[in-house]
Protein backbone atom coordinates (compact mmCIF):
# COMPACT_ATOMS: atom_id res chain seq x y z
CA MET A 1 86.51 120.94 115.28
CA SER A 2 86.48 124.44 113.81
CA GLU A 3 87.63 125.91 117.47
CA VAL A 4 90.43 123.01 117.38
CA ALA A 5 91.90 123.66 114.16
CA THR A 6 92.23 127.28 115.35
CA CYS A 7 93.78 127.00 118.32
CA CYS A 8 95.75 124.10 117.90
CA THR A 9 97.94 124.80 114.86
CA ARG A 10 100.63 122.54 116.43
CA LEU A 11 98.86 119.66 115.10
CA THR A 12 100.83 116.95 113.29
CA LYS A 13 98.38 113.91 113.89
CA LEU A 14 94.74 114.40 114.21
CA ASP A 15 92.04 111.61 114.16
CA VAL A 16 88.58 112.37 114.06
CA SER A 17 87.22 108.56 112.81
CA GLY A 18 83.63 108.08 113.35
CA CYS A 19 82.43 111.69 113.89
CA THR A 20 79.58 111.71 111.18
CA HIS A 21 78.79 114.73 111.91
CA LEU A 22 81.91 116.27 110.16
CA GLY A 23 80.65 117.90 107.22
CA GLU A 24 77.03 117.45 107.87
CA PHE A 25 76.99 121.33 107.60
CA GLY A 26 79.72 122.12 105.24
CA ASP A 27 83.27 122.06 105.23
CA ILE A 28 84.13 124.89 107.58
CA ALA A 29 86.01 122.91 110.01
CA LEU A 30 87.99 121.08 107.24
CA THR A 31 89.14 124.77 105.35
CA LYS A 32 90.63 125.61 109.22
CA ILE A 33 92.43 122.62 109.34
CA GLY A 34 93.87 123.48 106.00
CA ARG A 35 94.23 127.05 106.66
CA ASN A 36 95.78 126.48 110.25
CA CYS A 37 97.50 123.02 110.71
CA PRO A 38 100.43 123.05 107.69
CA ASN A 39 102.15 120.54 110.08
CA LEU A 40 99.71 117.74 109.61
CA THR A 41 101.32 114.28 108.90
CA THR A 42 98.25 112.16 109.94
CA LEU A 43 94.64 112.82 109.35
CA ASP A 44 92.11 109.86 109.75
CA MET A 45 89.06 110.41 108.67
CA PHE A 46 87.47 106.83 108.69
CA GLY A 47 83.72 106.97 108.53
CA CYS A 48 83.08 110.23 108.02
CA GLU A 49 80.30 109.84 105.70
CA ASN A 50 79.23 113.90 105.26
CA VAL A 51 82.74 114.88 104.12
CA ARG A 52 82.89 116.74 100.41
CA ASP A 53 85.35 117.64 98.01
CA ALA A 54 85.72 121.47 99.24
CA GLY A 55 86.90 120.43 102.75
CA LEU A 56 89.35 117.86 101.35
CA ILE A 57 90.94 120.28 98.39
CA ALA A 58 91.00 123.12 101.51
CA VAL A 59 93.02 120.25 103.32
CA ALA A 60 94.89 119.34 100.06
CA LYS A 61 96.05 123.02 99.92
CA GLY A 62 97.18 123.61 103.22
CA CYS A 63 98.76 120.34 104.70
CA GLU A 64 101.45 119.56 102.44
CA LYS A 65 103.30 117.61 105.04
CA LEU A 66 100.60 114.58 104.59
CA SER A 67 101.52 111.31 104.78
CA THR A 68 98.74 109.15 105.60
CA LEU A 69 95.35 109.74 105.17
CA ARG A 70 92.35 107.96 105.66
CA LEU A 71 89.25 108.85 104.06
CA THR A 72 87.70 104.78 104.06
CA GLY A 73 83.68 104.75 103.95
CA CYS A 74 83.92 108.92 102.99
CA LYS A 75 80.97 108.12 99.57
CA GLU A 76 80.89 111.74 98.72
CA VAL A 77 84.27 112.78 97.99
CA THR A 78 84.94 112.32 94.27
CA GLY A 79 88.29 112.96 91.62
CA LYS A 80 88.15 116.52 91.92
CA ALA A 81 89.43 116.43 95.96
CA VAL A 82 91.72 113.44 94.68
CA GLY A 83 93.23 115.35 91.56
CA ALA A 84 94.04 118.17 94.88
CA LEU A 85 95.44 115.09 96.98
CA ALA A 86 98.07 114.66 93.88
CA LYS A 87 98.64 118.15 93.81
CA GLY A 88 99.02 119.18 97.28
CA CYS A 89 99.91 116.00 98.59
CA THR A 90 102.71 114.18 96.89
CA GLY A 91 104.30 113.08 99.47
CA LEU A 92 101.30 110.69 100.31
CA THR A 93 102.65 106.90 101.63
CA ASP A 94 99.59 105.18 103.30
CA LEU A 95 95.94 106.29 101.71
CA SER A 96 92.78 104.90 101.86
CA ILE A 97 89.74 105.65 99.88
CA SER A 98 88.20 102.33 100.23
CA GLY A 99 84.31 102.87 99.77
CA CYS A 100 84.94 106.71 98.13
CA GLU A 101 82.86 104.83 94.67
CA LYS A 102 82.87 108.56 92.63
CA VAL A 103 86.63 107.80 91.96
CA GLY A 104 87.28 106.69 88.65
CA ASN A 105 90.66 105.33 86.55
CA LYS A 106 91.28 109.29 85.49
CA ASP A 107 91.56 109.99 89.08
CA LEU A 108 93.51 107.00 89.98
CA ALA A 109 96.18 108.00 87.56
CA SER A 110 96.49 111.43 88.38
CA LEU A 111 97.39 110.53 91.84
CA ALA A 112 99.61 107.26 91.08
CA ALA A 113 101.37 110.03 88.96
CA ARG A 114 102.13 112.50 91.40
CA CYS A 115 101.84 110.25 94.91
CA LYS A 116 105.14 107.90 94.01
CA LYS A 117 106.32 107.32 97.61
CA LEU A 118 103.00 105.49 98.21
CA THR A 119 103.38 102.27 100.18
CA ALA A 120 99.92 101.53 100.91
CA LEU A 121 96.52 102.06 99.05
CA ASP A 122 93.50 100.29 99.93
CA LEU A 123 90.67 101.47 97.15
CA SER A 124 88.29 98.37 98.38
CA GLY A 125 84.81 99.37 97.24
CA CYS A 126 85.75 101.70 94.54
CA HIS A 127 83.66 100.74 91.69
CA GLY A 128 84.81 102.94 89.77
CA VAL A 129 88.27 101.70 89.55
CA GLY A 130 89.04 99.08 86.12
CA PRO A 131 92.14 97.67 84.68
CA ASN A 132 93.46 101.66 83.61
CA GLY A 133 93.89 102.37 86.91
CA VAL A 134 95.54 99.33 88.56
CA GLN A 135 97.81 99.74 85.50
CA ALA A 136 98.27 103.26 86.59
CA VAL A 137 99.38 102.84 90.29
CA VAL A 138 101.07 99.39 88.84
CA SER A 139 103.41 102.16 86.44
CA HIS A 140 103.75 104.66 88.78
CA CYS A 141 103.74 103.36 92.37
CA ARG A 142 107.16 101.73 92.43
CA LYS A 143 107.54 101.85 96.20
CA LEU A 144 103.69 99.94 96.90
CA LYS A 145 103.58 97.27 99.18
CA THR A 146 100.22 96.93 100.28
CA LEU A 147 97.50 97.02 97.74
CA SER A 148 93.82 96.41 98.26
CA LEU A 149 91.30 96.07 95.60
CA ASN A 150 88.65 94.60 97.30
CA GLY A 151 85.32 94.30 95.55
CA CYS A 152 86.78 96.21 92.65
CA ASP A 153 83.93 94.17 90.30
CA LYS A 154 85.46 95.95 87.30
CA LEU A 155 88.95 93.78 87.83
CA GLY A 156 89.65 90.72 85.85
CA ASP A 157 92.17 88.50 84.23
CA ASP A 158 93.55 91.39 82.68
CA SER A 159 94.22 93.06 85.77
CA CYS A 160 96.14 90.47 87.30
CA MET A 161 98.50 90.14 84.52
CA VAL A 162 99.39 93.49 85.30
CA LEU A 163 99.75 92.69 88.80
CA ALA A 164 102.39 90.15 87.86
CA HIS A 165 104.93 93.19 87.13
CA ALA A 166 104.62 94.91 90.94
CA ASN A 167 107.37 92.81 92.21
CA GLN A 168 107.47 94.51 95.40
CA LEU A 169 103.98 93.56 96.51
CA GLN A 170 104.00 92.03 99.93
CA LEU A 171 99.93 91.78 100.32
CA LEU A 172 97.65 91.89 97.59
CA ASN A 173 93.67 91.87 98.33
CA LEU A 174 91.83 90.87 95.55
CA GLY A 175 88.80 89.74 97.48
CA GLY A 176 85.44 90.49 96.32
CA CYS A 177 86.48 90.64 92.41
CA ALA A 178 84.25 88.65 90.94
CA GLN A 179 85.59 88.61 87.11
CA VAL A 180 89.23 87.43 88.66
CA LYS A 181 89.74 83.39 88.08
CA ARG A 182 91.36 81.35 89.86
CA THR A 183 94.05 80.72 87.54
CA SER A 184 94.79 83.91 86.75
CA THR A 185 95.17 84.73 90.33
CA SER A 186 98.88 82.66 89.84
CA HIS A 187 99.99 85.29 87.58
CA SER A 188 100.44 87.75 90.63
CA LEU A 189 101.23 84.83 92.75
CA SER A 190 104.38 85.39 90.93
CA CYS A 191 105.49 88.25 92.65
CA ARG A 192 107.87 86.90 94.85
CA SER A 193 107.61 89.68 97.63
CA LEU A 194 103.38 88.41 97.87
CA SER A 195 103.13 87.47 101.91
CA ARG A 196 101.08 84.15 101.15
CA GLU A 197 98.54 83.84 104.47
């Protein structure tokens, strides 16, 4: 991967999903991607469970054109990397940090405040995300159309009340949010743009 990043400096899209060894021996590959691939707009690291903050921070600093980033299952990623993404990749429109259990409300608030172009956000399995994080997303990400909160077990009825103000949402996933009652989801369903499947 390091060689690819060094030689293919005009890359705009890179899919390394399922490459479970990426990051296993340090952050060299991602550091080189950040250093050598400034035109990257799409990076998919689905299931790269060994990716850590240092590599992502390098990507955030060097790949400012990123619009789509998938970190699904990158369980070692923390708020430090999310903060770097918020500063360096303000043009993000599609972000998945599903399964990044070390990401919390403050990290999400920082991201939402800077990445206002987000149209799709997947927070499934982010157990550190609660009502305050959802409030930040709804307040700042006014272009958001798809939001997945599946398995965010800290969310309850108060979060549904907040989500009711996200009139632009078209798809909302609250599956696995055990504290959300059926009656409270009616508030969210008052969002006229939500699709009913």
